């Protein structure tokens, strides 16, 4: 029975020694894992931001579709629209909706096509436009 306990202790000690050796020589691997983990945090944040941007873009597009119509369409006898009339307030609403949609779309385009050195700044701008 003593031999059996010694064998178990020897295996445990041997495993602990292997773990200690692996940890002692793992500086490079630890650095690689840290780089990967830190990059993953930033990439996840950017994916979440882009998801929020696409959702907001859908909302802005829907808002534009709601206001982008004439106030008084004039029709001929057949019911075909021959002229559309817009009030000043309607034109302002349309312009405001188009500007918001264009601003977001441009920020998304810049974030998705930015050079590596400009990437962080482009995503920061997108974050401001999205409102996160």
Foldseek 3Di string as FASTA:
>chain_A
DVVVVVVVVVVVVVVVVVVVVCVVPCPVVVVVVVVVVVVVVVVVVLVVLVVLLVVVLVVLVVQLVVLPAAPDFDADPVRHGDDGHHDPVSVVSNVVSVVLNVLSVVLSVCCVPPDPVCNVVSSVSNCVSSVD
